[in-house]
N, C-alpha and C. Protein backbone atom coordinates (compact mmCIF):
# COMPACT_ATOMS: atom_id res chain seq x y z
N MET A 1 -18.01 1.72 0.66
CA MET A 1 -17.21 2.07 -0.20
C MET A 1 -17.68 3.13 -1.66
N THR A 2 -17.36 4.07 -1.81
CA THR A 2 -17.52 4.75 -2.74
C THR A 2 -16.53 4.56 -4.35
N THR A 3 -17.52 4.13 -5.44
CA THR A 3 -16.83 4.10 -6.07
C THR A 3 -16.46 5.36 -7.31
N SER A 4 -17.64 6.42 -7.20
CA SER A 4 -17.75 7.38 -8.02
C SER A 4 -16.80 8.50 -7.52
N ILE A 5 -16.03 9.51 -8.53
CA ILE A 5 -15.67 9.88 -8.46
C ILE A 5 -16.53 11.49 -9.04
N PRO A 6 -16.15 12.60 -8.15
CA PRO A 6 -16.96 13.81 -8.43
C PRO A 6 -15.91 14.62 -9.85
N GLY A 7 -17.22 14.92 -10.67
CA GLY A 7 -16.80 15.44 -11.52
C GLY A 7 -15.89 14.77 -12.70
N ALA A 8 -16.47 12.95 -12.58
CA ALA A 8 -15.52 12.19 -13.21
C ALA A 8 -16.64 11.15 -14.11
N SER A 9 -16.65 11.03 -15.33
CA SER A 9 -17.73 10.01 -16.05
C SER A 9 -16.70 8.26 -15.92
N ALA A 10 -17.84 7.86 -16.17
CA ALA A 10 -17.40 6.54 -16.53
C ALA A 10 -15.96 6.67 -17.88
N PRO A 11 -15.36 5.24 -17.88
CA PRO A 11 -14.18 5.12 -19.18
C PRO A 11 -15.26 5.22 -20.39
N ALA A 12 -14.46 5.56 -20.72
CA ALA A 12 -15.51 5.42 -22.22
C ALA A 12 -15.18 4.30 -23.43
N PRO A 13 -15.98 3.58 -23.37
CA PRO A 13 -15.36 2.44 -24.66
C PRO A 13 -14.86 2.57 -25.63
N ALA A 14 -13.93 1.60 -25.35
CA ALA A 14 -12.79 1.37 -26.31
C ALA A 14 -13.43 1.22 -27.84
N THR A 15 -12.62 2.24 -28.75
CA THR A 15 -13.38 1.99 -29.87
C THR A 15 -12.02 1.09 -30.98
N ASP A 16 -11.49 1.48 -30.84
CA ASP A 16 -10.54 0.29 -31.50
C ASP A 16 -9.24 -0.25 -30.32
N ALA A 17 -8.14 -0.98 -30.70
CA ALA A 17 -6.99 -1.44 -30.00
C ALA A 17 -5.99 -0.72 -29.35
N GLY A 18 -5.83 0.67 -30.31
CA GLY A 18 -5.32 1.90 -29.25
C GLY A 18 -5.49 2.29 -28.21
N SER A 19 -7.12 2.40 -28.32
CA SER A 19 -7.58 3.20 -26.95
C SER A 19 -7.58 1.94 -26.08
N ALA A 20 -8.05 0.76 -26.54
CA ALA A 20 -7.88 -0.29 -25.50
C ALA A 20 -6.14 -0.16 -24.61
N LEU A 21 -5.41 -0.59 -26.02
CA LEU A 21 -4.18 -0.51 -25.41
C LEU A 21 -4.31 0.73 -24.47
N ALA A 22 -4.03 2.12 -24.29
CA ALA A 22 -4.13 2.75 -24.01
C ALA A 22 -4.82 2.74 -22.60
N ALA A 23 -5.97 2.49 -22.12
CA ALA A 23 -6.71 2.39 -21.06
C ALA A 23 -6.01 1.35 -19.84
N LEU A 24 -5.71 -0.03 -20.60
CA LEU A 24 -4.53 -1.18 -19.93
C LEU A 24 -3.44 -0.23 -19.39
N ARG A 25 -2.87 0.22 -20.33
CA ARG A 25 -1.25 0.94 -19.80
C ARG A 25 -1.59 2.39 -18.39
N CYS A 26 -2.78 2.65 -18.62
CA CYS A 26 -3.06 3.45 -17.69
C CYS A 26 -3.32 2.73 -16.31
N ARG A 27 -4.31 1.65 -16.59
CA ARG A 27 -4.57 1.08 -15.34
C ARG A 27 -3.23 0.71 -14.35
N ASP A 28 -2.15 -0.26 -15.58
CA ASP A 28 -1.12 -0.39 -15.16
C ASP A 28 -0.51 0.65 -14.40
N ASP A 29 0.32 2.08 -15.37
CA ASP A 29 0.49 2.63 -14.56
C ASP A 29 -0.30 3.27 -13.21
N ILE A 30 -1.46 2.80 -13.25
CA ILE A 30 -1.90 3.44 -11.88
C ILE A 30 -1.53 2.43 -10.83
N LEU A 31 -1.64 1.45 -10.77
CA LEU A 31 -1.48 0.53 -9.81
C LEU A 31 0.27 0.24 -9.25
N GLN A 32 1.39 0.38 -10.25
CA GLN A 32 2.60 0.73 -10.28
C GLN A 32 2.98 1.70 -9.58
N ALA A 33 2.37 3.06 -9.82
CA ALA A 33 2.32 4.28 -9.33
C ALA A 33 2.18 3.81 -7.46
N LEU A 34 0.85 3.55 -7.26
CA LEU A 34 0.83 2.97 -6.07
C LEU A 34 1.61 2.34 -5.21
N PHE A 35 2.14 1.49 -6.01
CA PHE A 35 3.41 0.28 -5.16
C PHE A 35 4.10 1.05 -5.06
N TRP A 36 4.98 1.82 -5.93
CA TRP A 36 6.00 2.40 -5.96
C TRP A 36 5.84 3.30 -4.62
N LEU A 37 4.68 4.51 -4.70
CA LEU A 37 4.85 5.21 -3.60
C LEU A 37 4.45 4.57 -1.94
N ARG A 38 4.10 3.18 -1.84
CA ARG A 38 3.63 2.52 -0.81
C ARG A 38 5.31 2.06 -0.49
N GLY A 39 5.82 0.66 -1.30
CA GLY A 39 6.92 0.68 -1.03
C GLY A 39 7.85 1.49 -0.69
N GLU A 40 8.16 2.75 -1.26
CA GLU A 40 8.97 4.03 -0.81
C GLU A 40 8.86 4.24 0.28
N GLY A 41 7.50 3.82 0.86
CA GLY A 41 7.09 4.45 2.34
C GLY A 41 7.28 6.21 2.12
N PHE A 42 6.69 6.84 1.29
CA PHE A 42 6.48 7.88 0.87
C PHE A 42 4.54 8.58 1.14
N ALA A 43 3.85 6.93 1.05
CA ALA A 43 2.46 7.30 1.13
C ALA A 43 1.43 5.77 1.09
N ALA A 44 0.97 5.82 1.56
CA ALA A 44 -0.29 4.36 1.56
C ALA A 44 -1.00 4.91 1.04
N ASP A 45 -1.29 5.87 -0.05
CA ASP A 45 -2.34 6.45 -0.57
C ASP A 45 -2.67 7.56 -1.55
N ALA A 46 -3.44 7.82 -2.43
CA ALA A 46 -3.14 8.88 -3.00
C ALA A 46 -4.73 9.75 -3.06
N ASP A 47 -4.65 10.54 -3.87
CA ASP A 47 -5.82 11.61 -4.28
C ASP A 47 -6.26 11.26 -5.76
N VAL A 48 -6.89 11.67 -6.84
CA VAL A 48 -6.95 11.59 -7.57
C VAL A 48 -5.85 12.67 -8.62
N ASP A 49 -5.96 13.87 -7.71
CA ASP A 49 -4.89 14.46 -8.33
C ASP A 49 -2.80 13.92 -8.20
N GLY A 50 -3.06 13.36 -7.06
CA GLY A 50 -1.70 12.87 -6.59
C GLY A 50 -1.34 12.14 -7.73
N VAL A 51 -2.50 11.18 -8.13
CA VAL A 51 -1.98 9.93 -8.96
C VAL A 51 -1.52 11.02 -10.29
N ALA A 52 -2.68 11.64 -10.93
CA ALA A 52 -2.63 11.74 -11.90
C ALA A 52 -1.19 12.41 -12.40
N ARG A 53 -0.69 13.17 -11.15
CA ARG A 53 0.54 14.48 -11.26
C ARG A 53 1.81 12.90 -11.39
N LEU A 54 2.02 12.05 -10.50
CA LEU A 54 2.41 10.73 -10.73
C LEU A 54 2.81 9.88 -11.77
N ILE A 55 1.57 9.49 -12.61
CA ILE A 55 1.50 9.22 -13.85
C ILE A 55 1.65 9.80 -15.22
N GLY A 56 1.73 11.42 -14.92
CA GLY A 56 1.33 12.25 -16.00
C GLY A 56 0.42 12.35 -17.15
N LEU A 57 -0.73 12.29 -16.40
CA LEU A 57 -1.86 12.47 -16.90
C LEU A 57 -2.92 13.40 -16.75
N ASP A 58 -3.78 13.92 -17.43
CA ASP A 58 -4.85 14.93 -16.75
C ASP A 58 -6.06 14.16 -15.65
N ARG A 59 -6.05 14.45 -14.56
CA ARG A 59 -6.94 14.03 -13.64
C ARG A 59 -8.40 13.35 -14.15
N THR A 60 -9.09 14.54 -15.32
CA THR A 60 -9.92 13.78 -15.90
C THR A 60 -9.91 11.89 -16.80
N LEU A 61 -8.39 12.15 -16.72
CA LEU A 61 -8.57 11.14 -18.07
C LEU A 61 -8.42 9.99 -16.64
N VAL A 62 -7.80 10.18 -15.65
CA VAL A 62 -7.06 9.23 -14.44
C VAL A 62 -8.42 8.53 -13.76
N GLY A 63 -9.43 9.58 -13.00
CA GLY A 63 -10.33 9.29 -12.44
C GLY A 63 -11.02 7.98 -13.05
N PRO A 64 -11.50 8.17 -13.60
CA PRO A 64 -12.49 7.25 -13.64
C PRO A 64 -11.65 5.61 -13.99
N HIS A 65 -10.47 5.43 -14.29
CA HIS A 65 -9.90 4.63 -14.51
C HIS A 65 -9.62 4.32 -12.81
N LEU A 66 -9.45 5.04 -12.09
CA LEU A 66 -9.37 4.59 -10.57
C LEU A 66 -11.01 4.16 -9.97
N GLY A 67 -12.39 4.56 -10.65
CA GLY A 67 -13.12 3.48 -10.33
C GLY A 67 -13.12 2.78 -10.57
N GLY A 68 -12.72 2.38 -11.89
CA GLY A 68 -13.37 0.95 -12.97
C GLY A 68 -11.73 0.23 -11.78
N LEU A 69 -11.16 0.69 -11.32
CA LEU A 69 -9.49 -0.53 -10.36
C LEU A 69 -10.57 -0.43 -8.78
N VAL A 70 -11.41 0.49 -8.93
CA VAL A 70 -11.96 -0.07 -7.27
C VAL A 70 -12.86 -0.93 -7.72
N ARG A 71 -14.06 -0.72 -8.55
CA ARG A 71 -15.27 -2.42 -9.01
C ARG A 71 -14.41 -2.95 -9.23
N ASP A 72 -12.77 -3.16 -9.91
CA ASP A 72 -12.70 -4.42 -10.34
C ASP A 72 -12.04 -5.10 -9.04
N GLY A 73 -11.87 -4.30 -7.88
CA GLY A 73 -10.90 -4.84 -6.97
C GLY A 73 -9.52 -4.61 -6.34
N TYR A 74 -9.02 -3.97 -7.48
CA TYR A 74 -7.59 -3.59 -7.10
C TYR A 74 -7.50 -2.12 -6.03
N LEU A 75 -8.33 -1.60 -6.20
CA LEU A 75 -8.16 -0.73 -5.42
C LEU A 75 -9.20 0.04 -4.22
N GLU A 76 -8.90 0.29 -2.97
CA GLU A 76 -9.75 0.49 -2.49
C GLU A 76 -9.89 2.34 -2.20
N GLU A 77 -11.25 2.85 -2.21
CA GLU A 77 -11.15 4.14 -1.84
C GLU A 77 -11.96 4.30 -0.70
N ARG A 78 -10.82 5.48 0.40
CA ARG A 78 -12.31 5.82 1.36
C ARG A 78 -11.41 7.61 1.32
N ALA A 79 -12.60 8.43 1.64
CA ALA A 79 -12.76 9.87 1.42
C ALA A 79 -12.29 10.69 0.42
N GLY A 80 -12.13 9.58 -0.78
CA GLY A 80 -11.65 10.38 -1.97
C GLY A 80 -10.01 10.07 -2.36
N ARG A 81 -9.24 9.37 -1.59
CA ARG A 81 -7.99 8.89 -1.65
C ARG A 81 -8.18 7.25 -1.65
N TYR A 82 -7.26 6.81 -2.69
CA TYR A 82 -7.45 5.38 -3.26
C TYR A 82 -5.97 4.53 -2.49
N ARG A 83 -6.11 3.61 -2.33
CA ARG A 83 -5.12 2.33 -1.70
C ARG A 83 -5.28 1.02 -2.68
N LEU A 84 -4.00 0.42 -2.45
CA LEU A 84 -4.17 -0.67 -3.11
C LEU A 84 -4.76 -1.66 -2.30
N SER A 85 -5.52 -2.90 -2.97
CA SER A 85 -6.01 -3.98 -1.83
C SER A 85 -5.02 -5.15 -1.72
N GLU A 86 -5.09 -5.89 -1.62
CA GLU A 86 -4.71 -7.13 -1.29
C GLU A 86 -4.00 -7.75 -2.53
N LEU A 87 -5.03 -7.70 -3.88
CA LEU A 87 -5.47 -7.79 -5.17
C LEU A 87 -4.39 -7.18 -5.95
N GLY A 88 -4.81 -5.68 -5.35
CA GLY A 88 -3.92 -4.35 -6.53
C GLY A 88 -1.98 -4.43 -5.87
N ALA A 89 -2.07 -5.09 -4.91
CA ALA A 89 -0.78 -5.24 -3.99
C ALA A 89 -0.36 -6.07 -4.81
N ARG A 90 -0.20 -7.43 -4.78
CA ARG A 90 0.11 -8.48 -6.11
C ARG A 90 0.27 -8.07 -7.19
N GLU A 91 -1.14 -7.12 -7.75
CA GLU A 91 -0.99 -7.11 -9.26
C GLU A 91 0.01 -6.05 -9.27
N GLY A 92 -0.04 -5.22 -8.59
CA GLY A 92 1.22 -3.42 -8.63
C GLY A 92 2.52 -3.90 -8.32
N GLY A 93 2.90 -5.31 -7.46
CA GLY A 93 3.76 -5.38 -7.33
C GLY A 93 4.60 -6.16 -8.80
N ARG A 94 3.87 -7.11 -9.48
CA ARG A 94 4.18 -8.05 -10.72
C ARG A 94 4.07 -7.04 -11.55
N ARG A 95 3.30 -5.81 -11.72
CA ARG A 95 3.45 -5.18 -13.25
C ARG A 95 4.77 -4.39 -12.96
N PHE A 96 5.48 -3.71 -11.08
CA PHE A 96 6.28 -2.93 -11.22
C PHE A 96 7.66 -3.80 -11.62
N ALA A 97 7.72 -5.04 -11.24
CA ALA A 97 8.50 -5.57 -11.27
C ALA A 97 8.58 -5.80 -12.59
N ASP A 98 7.86 -6.05 -13.74
CA ASP A 98 7.97 -6.89 -14.98
C ASP A 98 8.36 -5.44 -15.81
N GLU A 99 7.72 -4.08 -15.14
CA GLU A 99 8.56 -3.05 -16.07
C GLU A 99 10.17 -2.73 -15.70
N PHE A 100 10.68 -2.77 -14.90
CA PHE A 100 11.74 -2.64 -14.32
C PHE A 100 12.92 -4.13 -14.08
N ALA A 101 12.23 -4.81 -15.03
CA ALA A 101 13.27 -6.18 -14.63
C ALA A 101 14.42 -5.63 -15.19
N ASP A 102 14.60 -5.36 -16.18
CA ASP A 102 15.49 -5.07 -17.29
C ASP A 102 16.92 -4.10 -16.04
N LEU A 103 16.08 -3.19 -15.41
CA LEU A 103 17.13 -2.43 -14.70
C LEU A 103 17.57 -3.08 -13.19
N GLN A 104 17.18 -4.12 -13.12
CA GLN A 104 17.70 -4.92 -12.18
C GLN A 104 19.05 -6.12 -11.87
N LEU A 105 19.24 -6.19 -13.24
CA LEU A 105 20.32 -7.24 -13.62
C LEU A 105 21.45 -6.67 -13.29
N THR A 106 22.81 -6.92 -12.84
CA THR A 106 23.49 -7.27 -11.84
C THR A 106 24.77 -6.69 -13.18
N ALA A 107 25.62 -5.66 -13.31
CA ALA A 107 26.25 -5.52 -13.88
C ALA A 107 27.71 -5.85 -13.69
N HIS A 108 28.54 -6.24 -14.94
CA HIS A 108 29.80 -7.25 -15.40
C HIS A 108 30.31 -6.29 -13.81
N GLY A 109 31.22 -6.91 -13.04
CA GLY A 109 31.87 -6.14 -12.50
C GLY A 109 31.25 -6.09 -10.58
N GLU A 110 30.05 -6.04 -10.71
CA GLU A 110 29.25 -6.07 -9.38
C GLU A 110 29.12 -7.33 -8.70
N CYS A 111 29.80 -8.04 -9.18
CA CYS A 111 29.26 -9.53 -8.70
C CYS A 111 31.08 -9.89 -7.84
N PRO A 112 30.78 -10.29 -6.51
CA PRO A 112 32.12 -10.14 -5.63
C PRO A 112 33.39 -11.28 -6.74
N PRO A 113 34.56 -10.24 -6.30
CA PRO A 113 36.03 -10.52 -6.53
C PRO A 113 35.93 -12.04 -7.06
N ASP A 114 35.43 -12.69 -6.05
CA ASP A 114 35.22 -13.85 -6.30
C ASP A 114 34.66 -14.86 -6.99
N CYS A 115 33.67 -14.14 -8.02
CA CYS A 115 33.02 -14.98 -8.61
C CYS A 115 32.98 -15.83 -9.53
N PRO A 116 32.58 -17.51 -9.35
CA PRO A 116 33.12 -18.30 -10.53
C PRO A 116 32.55 -18.21 -11.80
N HIS A 117 31.43 -17.10 -11.80
CA HIS A 117 30.86 -17.10 -13.39
C HIS A 117 31.32 -15.99 -14.10
N CYS A 118 32.36 -14.82 -13.78
CA CYS A 118 32.35 -13.60 -13.96
C CYS A 118 33.78 -13.81 -14.44
N GLU A 119 34.65 -14.53 -13.50
CA GLU A 119 36.11 -14.37 -13.78
C GLU A 119 36.93 -14.54 -15.23
N ALA A 120 37.55 -13.69 -15.88
CA ALA A 120 38.07 -14.09 -17.02
C ALA A 120 37.28 -13.86 -18.02
N ILE A 121 36.46 -13.64 -17.92
CA ILE A 121 35.15 -13.06 -18.94
C ILE A 121 34.86 -11.36 -19.26
N GLU A 122 35.34 -11.27 -20.42
CA GLU A 122 34.76 -9.81 -20.95
C GLU A 122 33.35 -9.90 -20.63
N ARG A 123 32.85 -8.65 -20.66
CA ARG A 123 31.71 -8.02 -20.40
C ARG A 123 30.63 -8.96 -21.30
N ASP A 124 30.75 -8.70 -22.36
CA ASP A 124 29.71 -8.93 -23.63
C ASP A 124 29.58 -10.31 -23.61
N GLY A 125 30.75 -10.95 -23.06
CA GLY A 125 30.79 -12.18 -23.06
C GLY A 125 29.98 -13.43 -22.22
N CYS A 126 29.95 -12.23 -20.95
CA CYS A 126 29.76 -12.85 -19.98
C CYS A 126 27.87 -13.02 -19.51
N THR A 127 27.13 -14.16 -19.77
CA THR A 127 25.75 -13.93 -19.81
C THR A 127 25.60 -13.95 -18.21
N HIS A 128 25.92 -14.22 -17.53
CA HIS A 128 25.87 -14.04 -16.05
C HIS A 128 25.70 -12.72 -15.69
N CYS A 129 26.11 -11.64 -16.04
CA CYS A 129 26.55 -10.35 -15.89
C CYS A 129 25.31 -9.39 -16.98
N VAL A 130 25.17 -10.08 -17.88
CA VAL A 130 24.27 -9.43 -18.51
C VAL A 130 22.72 -9.90 -18.62
N THR A 131 22.30 -11.27 -18.31
CA THR A 131 20.71 -11.77 -17.90
C THR A 131 20.69 -12.02 -16.48
N GLY A 132 21.72 -11.68 -15.46
CA GLY A 132 21.43 -11.99 -14.22
C GLY A 132 21.64 -13.94 -14.09
N ARG A 133 20.96 -14.41 -15.00
CA ARG A 133 21.28 -16.04 -14.88
C ARG A 133 22.60 -16.83 -15.16
N LEU A 134 22.10 -17.70 -15.01
CA LEU A 134 23.84 -18.96 -14.46
C LEU A 134 23.28 -19.95 -15.85
N GLU A 135 24.45 -20.01 -17.16
CA GLU A 135 24.28 -20.55 -17.94
C GLU A 135 24.00 -22.26 -17.32
N ASP A 136 23.43 -23.28 -18.21
CA ASP A 136 23.28 -24.61 -17.66
C ASP A 136 24.42 -25.21 -17.90
């Protein structure tokens, strides 16, 4: 398994909290993008340019993070293409679910007509529809 990327240097050490946060966000975005690609059936892997396009960053910024994710066991690299490892799939899925959790809530009125939790309740007052959870 190769972990170096031609023309890419190792990620620069974080010199402040902002750059450390940006590095974490880039790694999260890579895992989420590869998880989404695989989950939608578009591709099981991607090259540096494909990942860079998916997350909207330059390949010179993405490449070092791909190498780091390979070294850390989240990705596998074969012939310049990156795919999620078992660990990467778990983490990518978790991060994807966390990122889009608010978009997965049921809207008021999307419940079946006989939903006992929503009947005769206005949208803003319906905890079930707003949070997706039932009140205790």
